[in-house]
Amino acid sequence: ATLEANADPANALQAWLIAARRSLLLGRLDEARDALARLDGQGLPASLAAVAELATAELALRSLHTAPAREALARARIAAEHAGVAALLAEVVDTRAALDRPAARQYFSGGERMLRLDEVEALLDSGTLVVDACRRAVGAGTTWRALARRPVLFALALALAEAWPGDVDREALIARVFRTRDPDETHRARLRVEIGRLRALVKPLARIEASARGFVLRPHDERPVSVLAPPIAGEQAALLALLSDGAAWSTSALALALEASQRTVQRALADLEAEGRVRAIGQTRARRWLAPPLAGFTTILLLPSTLAIA
C-alpha cells in the first residue's frame, strides 16, 4: 500500500506477489487469493505475469482443482517464453511435470496404487468414504470432519478404514492407538470412550458397529472406503514434504503449516537431523531448516487446502 501511495506500481505489484507466495507457503489460501486478485487487469510485465500465473496455479493445486491449474501453467509458460527468462521457464516446466508425478497413495480393499493429483481430485469427488492421512480428516463428498488435533480418533478411524470391510480386534486397536502390548481394563474402558466419540463424529458418514472381536466401519449408502496416504511413508512424511520446497523454514512456520505444536515439530526435526535428512542454519530464533528436494514427488497434497473440513 505504501508503494502504491508513492507512485511505485512496479514494486507494489512485486510486493503483492511476495505476499501471495507467503500466504501460500503458510496455507492461508484465502489471503493468497485476495493478494492475487489485486493483480488482475494490471497489465503486468511478462516476467511478473509468469510469476503471478505460477502462484495462481499453485493456489488451484492446493485447492485440488487441477484443470484451472493446468490452464494457469499454460499461461505462465507463454509469459515466461515472452520474458525470455530461462530460470522462470524452467520453473514453469518443473511445476507442470509435477502434475504427472505421484501425489498420494491410495489404499483400498484388495490393493493400493499411486495417484496423481487429478486422480486424487476424482477420488474425493466420487463419493467414496476417504480417511485422509495427508490432512488428517475423514469425509465423503462435501462432508468432512477434521481430526488433525484429535490423534487418537484419527488413529482409530485409520485402523478401521484399513481393515474395511472387515473388523479390527479390540486388542489390536489398543496396541495401535495407545501403544501398549499389555492392556488392562482401563485401556479397554478408554477404547470404548474413544470409539463412542469417533462414532458421534462420523455419524453423518458412517456407523461404527461392535463385532464379536472388535469394531467394524459401516459407511452409509454402501459407499466404498479408501485410505489416502502421503506418497512417502512414515510419521515425518508431511514435514519432509514441506521442507522439500527448497525454502528455509522456521520451526514456528512448520508448526503452523502442519497444525502441530512447535515442540512436536522440534522433536521430529531432531530425529531427521540425526538421520542426515534435514539440516539447520542459524541459531536460536534465527534458526531455519532445509532439506533436499524429494525427487519424483509433488508436495502439494501434503499442504493445507480449502477442502470443506469442519
Protein backbone atom coordinates (compact mmCIF):
# COMPACT_ATOMS: atom_id res chain seq x y z
CA ALA A 1 0.00 0.00 0.00
CA THR A 2 2.89 2.37 0.76
CA LEU A 3 4.50 1.67 -2.61
CA GLU A 4 1.21 2.32 -4.41
CA ALA A 5 0.71 5.55 -2.48
CA ASN A 6 4.17 6.71 -3.58
CA ALA A 7 3.56 6.01 -7.26
CA ASP A 8 5.77 2.93 -7.48
CA PRO A 9 3.42 0.45 -9.17
CA ALA A 10 6.13 -1.96 -10.36
CA ASN A 11 7.46 -2.64 -6.88
CA ALA A 12 3.93 -2.64 -5.46
CA LEU A 13 2.94 -5.45 -7.82
CA GLN A 14 6.08 -7.37 -6.89
CA ALA A 15 5.21 -6.92 -3.21
CA TRP A 16 1.71 -8.31 -3.74
CA LEU A 17 3.24 -11.35 -5.42
CA ILE A 18 5.56 -11.85 -2.44
CA ALA A 19 2.56 -11.56 -0.10
CA ALA A 20 0.66 -14.13 -2.15
CA ARG A 21 3.58 -16.55 -2.06
CA ARG A 22 3.99 -16.13 1.69
CA SER A 23 0.31 -16.88 2.23
CA LEU A 24 0.55 -19.97 0.03
CA LEU A 25 3.52 -21.29 2.00
CA LEU A 26 1.59 -20.85 5.25
CA GLY A 27 -1.54 -22.47 3.81
CA ARG A 28 -3.58 -19.25 4.05
CA LEU A 29 -5.29 -19.72 0.72
CA ASP A 30 -7.94 -17.03 1.14
CA GLU A 31 -5.24 -14.43 1.80
CA ALA A 32 -3.29 -15.63 -1.24
CA ARG A 33 -6.41 -15.42 -3.39
CA ASP A 34 -7.05 -11.83 -2.25
CA ALA A 35 -3.46 -10.82 -2.97
CA LEU A 36 -3.57 -12.32 -6.46
CA ALA A 37 -6.93 -10.67 -7.15
CA ARG A 38 -5.24 -7.28 -6.79
CA LEU A 39 -3.10 -8.12 -9.82
CA ASP A 40 -5.99 -8.77 -12.21
CA GLY A 41 -6.12 -6.32 -15.07
CA GLN A 42 -2.89 -4.60 -14.00
CA GLY A 43 -1.05 -5.14 -17.27
CA LEU A 44 1.88 -6.97 -15.67
CA PRO A 45 5.20 -7.21 -17.49
CA ALA A 46 5.87 -10.69 -18.84
CA SER A 47 8.16 -11.80 -16.02
CA LEU A 48 5.73 -10.76 -13.28
CA ALA A 49 2.82 -12.22 -15.26
CA ALA A 50 4.60 -15.58 -15.33
CA VAL A 51 5.17 -15.47 -11.57
CA ALA A 52 1.55 -14.47 -10.96
CA GLU A 53 0.29 -17.36 -13.09
CA LEU A 54 2.59 -19.76 -11.25
CA ALA A 55 1.10 -18.58 -7.96
CA THR A 56 -2.40 -18.93 -9.41
CA ALA A 57 -1.57 -22.49 -10.47
CA GLU A 58 -0.23 -23.32 -7.03
CA LEU A 59 -3.34 -21.89 -5.41
CA ALA A 60 -5.50 -24.10 -7.64
CA LEU A 61 -3.36 -27.17 -6.93
CA ARG A 62 -3.55 -26.70 -3.17
CA SER A 63 -7.32 -26.48 -3.53
CA LEU A 64 -7.17 -29.69 -5.62
CA HIS A 65 -8.53 -28.01 -8.77
CA THR A 66 -6.22 -29.45 -11.38
CA ALA A 67 -7.94 -28.18 -14.55
CA PRO A 68 -7.60 -24.46 -13.61
CA ALA A 69 -4.02 -25.20 -12.55
CA ARG A 70 -3.16 -26.58 -15.99
CA GLU A 71 -4.71 -23.51 -17.63
CA ALA A 72 -2.70 -21.16 -15.39
CA LEU A 73 0.50 -23.07 -16.15
CA ALA A 74 -0.16 -22.80 -19.89
CA ARG A 75 -0.47 -19.02 -19.49
CA ALA A 76 2.65 -18.97 -17.29
CA ARG A 77 4.66 -20.75 -19.98
CA ILE A 78 3.61 -18.26 -22.63
CA ALA A 79 4.55 -15.34 -20.36
CA ALA A 80 7.88 -16.94 -19.38
CA GLU A 81 8.80 -17.53 -23.01
CA HIS A 82 7.90 -13.92 -23.83
CA ALA A 83 10.02 -12.70 -20.89
CA GLY A 84 12.96 -14.76 -22.10
CA VAL A 85 13.99 -15.75 -18.56
CA ALA A 86 15.35 -19.30 -18.71
CA ALA A 87 15.11 -19.94 -14.95
CA LEU A 88 11.48 -18.84 -14.90
CA LEU A 89 10.63 -21.08 -17.84
CA ALA A 90 12.35 -24.00 -16.11
CA GLU A 91 10.22 -23.43 -13.01
CA VAL A 92 7.05 -23.48 -15.12
CA VAL A 93 8.12 -26.71 -16.83
CA ASP A 94 9.00 -28.34 -13.50
CA THR A 95 5.67 -27.35 -11.95
CA ARG A 96 3.83 -28.74 -14.97
CA ALA A 97 5.74 -32.00 -14.67
CA ALA A 98 4.67 -32.28 -11.03
CA LEU A 99 1.10 -32.87 -12.19
CA ASP A 100 2.18 -36.19 -13.65
CA ARG A 101 4.08 -37.37 -10.57
CA PRO A 102 2.63 -39.39 -7.68
CA ALA A 103 0.92 -37.12 -5.18
CA ALA A 104 -0.60 -39.69 -2.83
CA ARG A 105 -1.01 -43.38 -2.19
CA GLN A 106 -4.49 -44.92 -2.12
CA TYR A 107 -5.20 -47.98 0.00
CA PHE A 108 -8.46 -49.79 -0.63
CA SER A 109 -9.99 -53.22 -0.19
CA GLY A 110 -7.80 -55.54 -2.19
CA GLY A 111 -4.87 -53.33 -3.03
CA GLU A 112 -3.12 -50.00 -3.30
CA ARG A 113 -1.99 -47.62 -6.03
CA MET A 114 -0.19 -44.34 -6.53
CA LEU A 115 -2.35 -41.36 -7.55
CA ARG A 116 -1.64 -38.19 -9.48
CA LEU A 117 -3.32 -35.00 -8.27
CA ASP A 118 -6.10 -35.23 -10.85
CA GLU A 119 -6.80 -38.79 -9.68
CA VAL A 120 -6.90 -37.59 -6.07
CA GLU A 121 -9.39 -34.94 -7.11
CA ALA A 122 -11.53 -37.56 -8.86
CA LEU A 123 -11.41 -39.84 -5.81
CA LEU A 124 -12.56 -37.07 -3.47
CA ASP A 125 -15.40 -36.19 -5.86
CA SER A 126 -16.50 -39.82 -6.26
CA GLY A 127 -18.45 -40.14 -3.03
CA THR A 128 -16.01 -42.67 -1.60
CA LEU A 129 -15.57 -42.51 2.16
CA VAL A 130 -11.96 -41.36 2.47
CA VAL A 131 -9.77 -41.41 5.54
CA ASP A 132 -7.23 -38.79 4.54
CA ALA A 133 -3.87 -39.35 6.21
CA CYS A 134 -2.42 -36.33 4.38
CA ARG A 135 -4.67 -33.80 6.09
CA ARG A 136 -5.81 -36.00 9.00
CA ALA A 137 -9.50 -35.95 8.16
CA VAL A 138 -12.35 -38.28 7.24
CA GLY A 139 -15.10 -37.47 4.79
CA ALA A 140 -17.04 -38.08 1.61
CA GLY A 141 -18.17 -35.56 -0.99
CA THR A 142 -18.65 -32.21 0.71
CA THR A 143 -18.93 -33.60 4.25
CA TRP A 144 -15.61 -33.67 6.10
CA ARG A 145 -14.53 -33.97 9.69
CA ALA A 146 -11.10 -32.72 10.75
CA LEU A 147 -9.08 -34.94 13.09
CA ALA A 148 -5.71 -33.18 12.92
CA ARG A 149 -5.96 -32.14 16.56
CA ARG A 150 -7.50 -35.45 17.71
CA PRO A 151 -4.77 -38.03 17.07
CA VAL A 152 -6.43 -40.87 18.97
CA LEU A 153 -9.65 -40.58 16.98
CA PHE A 154 -7.72 -40.35 13.74
CA ALA A 155 -5.69 -43.46 14.60
CA LEU A 156 -8.92 -45.34 15.28
CA ALA A 157 -10.51 -44.16 12.02
CA LEU A 158 -7.39 -45.12 10.07
CA ALA A 159 -7.26 -48.60 11.59
CA LEU A 160 -10.95 -49.22 10.85
CA ALA A 161 -10.61 -47.95 7.28
CA GLU A 162 -7.54 -50.08 6.60
CA ALA A 163 -9.39 -53.19 7.78
CA TRP A 164 -12.63 -52.44 5.89
CA PRO A 165 -14.81 -54.35 5.07
CA GLY A 166 -13.52 -56.49 7.93
CA ASP A 167 -13.38 -55.65 11.60
CA VAL A 168 -10.46 -54.86 13.90
CA ASP A 169 -9.72 -56.76 17.08
CA ARG A 170 -10.05 -54.74 20.27
CA GLU A 171 -6.60 -55.75 21.49
CA ALA A 172 -5.08 -54.72 18.16
CA LEU A 173 -6.79 -51.32 18.38
CA ILE A 174 -5.49 -50.79 21.90
CA ALA A 175 -1.95 -51.75 20.91
CA ARG A 176 -2.00 -49.44 17.90
CA VAL A 177 -3.75 -46.43 19.38
CA PHE A 178 -2.50 -46.48 22.98
CA ARG A 179 0.86 -48.11 22.15
CA THR A 180 0.77 -50.79 24.79
CA ARG A 181 1.20 -54.53 24.47
CA ASP A 182 -0.18 -55.28 27.89
CA PRO A 183 -3.69 -53.76 28.03
CA ASP A 184 -5.78 -53.75 31.16
CA GLU A 185 -9.35 -52.76 31.93
CA THR A 186 -8.51 -49.06 31.94
CA HIS A 187 -7.33 -49.32 28.33
CA ARG A 188 -10.45 -51.24 27.34
CA ALA A 189 -12.65 -48.65 29.02
CA ARG A 190 -10.80 -45.83 27.29
CA LEU A 191 -11.19 -47.60 23.95
CA ARG A 192 -14.96 -47.70 24.45
CA VAL A 193 -14.98 -43.99 25.27
CA GLU A 194 -12.89 -43.04 22.23
CA ILE A 195 -14.92 -45.26 19.91
CA GLY A 196 -18.04 -43.50 21.20
CA ARG A 197 -16.51 -40.12 20.40
CA LEU A 198 -15.49 -41.23 16.92
CA ARG A 199 -18.93 -42.76 16.34
CA ALA A 200 -20.58 -39.42 17.12
CA LEU A 201 -18.14 -37.51 14.95
CA VAL A 202 -18.60 -39.64 11.82
CA LYS A 203 -22.34 -40.23 12.29
CA PRO A 204 -23.25 -38.30 9.07
CA LEU A 205 -20.85 -40.52 7.12
CA ALA A 206 -20.85 -44.00 8.62
CA ARG A 207 -21.69 -46.25 11.55
CA ILE A 208 -19.14 -47.92 13.79
CA GLU A 209 -20.56 -51.23 14.95
CA ALA A 210 -19.31 -53.67 17.56
CA SER A 211 -18.42 -57.12 16.30
CA ALA A 212 -17.67 -60.35 18.15
CA ARG A 213 -14.00 -59.47 18.43
CA GLY A 214 -13.84 -55.71 17.92
CA PHE A 215 -15.30 -52.95 15.76
CA VAL A 216 -16.17 -52.50 12.10
CA LEU A 217 -16.77 -49.44 9.89
CA ARG A 218 -20.10 -49.38 8.01
CA PRO A 219 -20.36 -46.44 5.55
CA HIS A 220 -23.81 -45.10 4.71
CA ASP A 221 -25.28 -45.90 1.28
CA GLU A 222 -22.81 -48.78 0.89
CA ARG A 223 -20.02 -46.39 -0.06
CA PRO A 224 -16.58 -47.89 -0.69
CA VAL A 225 -13.80 -46.95 1.71
CA SER A 226 -10.30 -45.78 0.82
CA VAL A 227 -7.30 -44.53 2.75
CA LEU A 228 -5.38 -41.63 1.21
CA ALA A 229 -1.79 -41.54 2.43
CA PRO A 230 1.30 -39.48 1.56
CA PRO A 231 3.37 -40.87 -1.31
CA ILE A 232 6.21 -41.43 1.13
CA ALA A 233 5.69 -43.43 4.29
CA GLY A 234 6.40 -42.50 7.89
CA GLU A 235 5.22 -40.04 10.51
CA GLN A 236 7.67 -37.41 9.25
CA ALA A 237 6.45 -37.52 5.64
CA ALA A 238 4.49 -34.27 5.78
CA LEU A 239 7.40 -32.46 7.45
CA LEU A 240 9.83 -33.64 4.78
CA ALA A 241 7.36 -32.68 2.08
CA LEU A 242 7.19 -29.11 3.34
CA LEU A 243 10.96 -28.83 3.63
CA SER A 244 11.48 -30.23 0.14
CA ASP A 245 10.34 -26.96 -1.50
CA GLY A 246 13.90 -25.70 -1.04
CA ALA A 247 12.97 -22.77 1.20
CA ALA A 248 14.39 -22.24 4.69
CA TRP A 249 11.61 -22.84 7.22
CA SER A 250 11.38 -21.75 10.83
CA THR A 251 10.03 -24.18 13.42
CA SER A 252 7.04 -21.92 14.05
CA ALA A 253 6.12 -21.79 10.33
CA LEU A 254 6.35 -25.58 10.07
CA ALA A 255 4.16 -25.98 13.14
CA LEU A 256 1.59 -23.60 11.69
CA ALA A 257 1.50 -25.37 8.32
CA LEU A 258 1.22 -28.82 9.94
CA GLU A 259 -1.25 -27.72 12.63
CA ALA A 260 1.07 -29.21 15.25
CA SER A 261 2.83 -27.88 18.32
CA GLN A 262 6.31 -26.43 17.99
CA ARG A 263 7.59 -29.00 20.47
CA THR A 264 6.28 -31.84 18.29
CA VAL A 265 7.95 -30.33 15.23
CA GLN A 266 11.23 -29.80 17.13
CA ARG A 267 11.34 -33.45 18.17
CA ALA A 268 10.69 -34.61 14.62
CA LEU A 269 13.35 -32.28 13.24
CA ALA A 270 15.88 -33.55 15.78
CA ASP A 271 15.23 -37.13 14.66
CA LEU A 272 15.52 -36.19 10.99
CA GLU A 273 18.71 -34.23 11.63
CA ALA A 274 20.25 -37.26 13.34
CA GLU A 275 19.42 -39.29 10.23
CA GLY A 276 21.01 -36.66 7.99
CA ARG A 277 17.72 -35.93 6.20
CA VAL A 278 17.48 -32.25 7.20
CA ARG A 279 19.97 -29.58 8.24
CA ALA A 280 19.76 -26.41 10.28
CA ILE A 281 21.26 -22.99 9.62
CA GLY A 282 21.45 -20.17 12.14
CA GLN A 283 20.97 -20.23 15.89
CA THR A 284 18.08 -19.80 18.35
CA ARG A 285 15.29 -17.63 16.88
CA ALA A 286 17.16 -17.24 13.60
CA ARG A 287 17.45 -21.00 13.06
CA ARG A 288 15.98 -22.26 9.81
CA TRP A 289 15.58 -25.79 8.46
CA LEU A 290 16.32 -27.13 4.99
CA ALA A 291 16.09 -30.47 3.21
CA PRO A 292 16.97 -31.63 -0.30
CA PRO A 293 14.01 -31.98 -2.68
CA LEU A 294 12.19 -35.32 -2.74
CA ALA A 295 12.81 -36.22 -6.36
CA GLY A 296 9.77 -37.57 -8.11
CA PHE A 297 7.18 -36.50 -5.55
CA THR A 298 4.96 -33.47 -5.59
CA THR A 299 4.26 -31.95 -2.19
CA ILE A 300 1.06 -30.07 -2.97
CA LEU A 301 -1.30 -32.60 -1.44
CA LEU A 302 0.51 -32.58 1.86
CA LEU A 303 -0.12 -28.90 2.46
CA PRO A 304 -3.24 -27.28 3.90
CA SER A 305 -6.11 -26.97 1.45
CA THR A 306 -9.51 -25.37 1.24
CA LEU A 307 -11.47 -28.61 1.33
CA ALA A 308 -14.59 -28.21 3.43
CA ILE A 309 -13.19 -29.87 6.54
CA ALA A 310 -15.03 -28.79 9.66
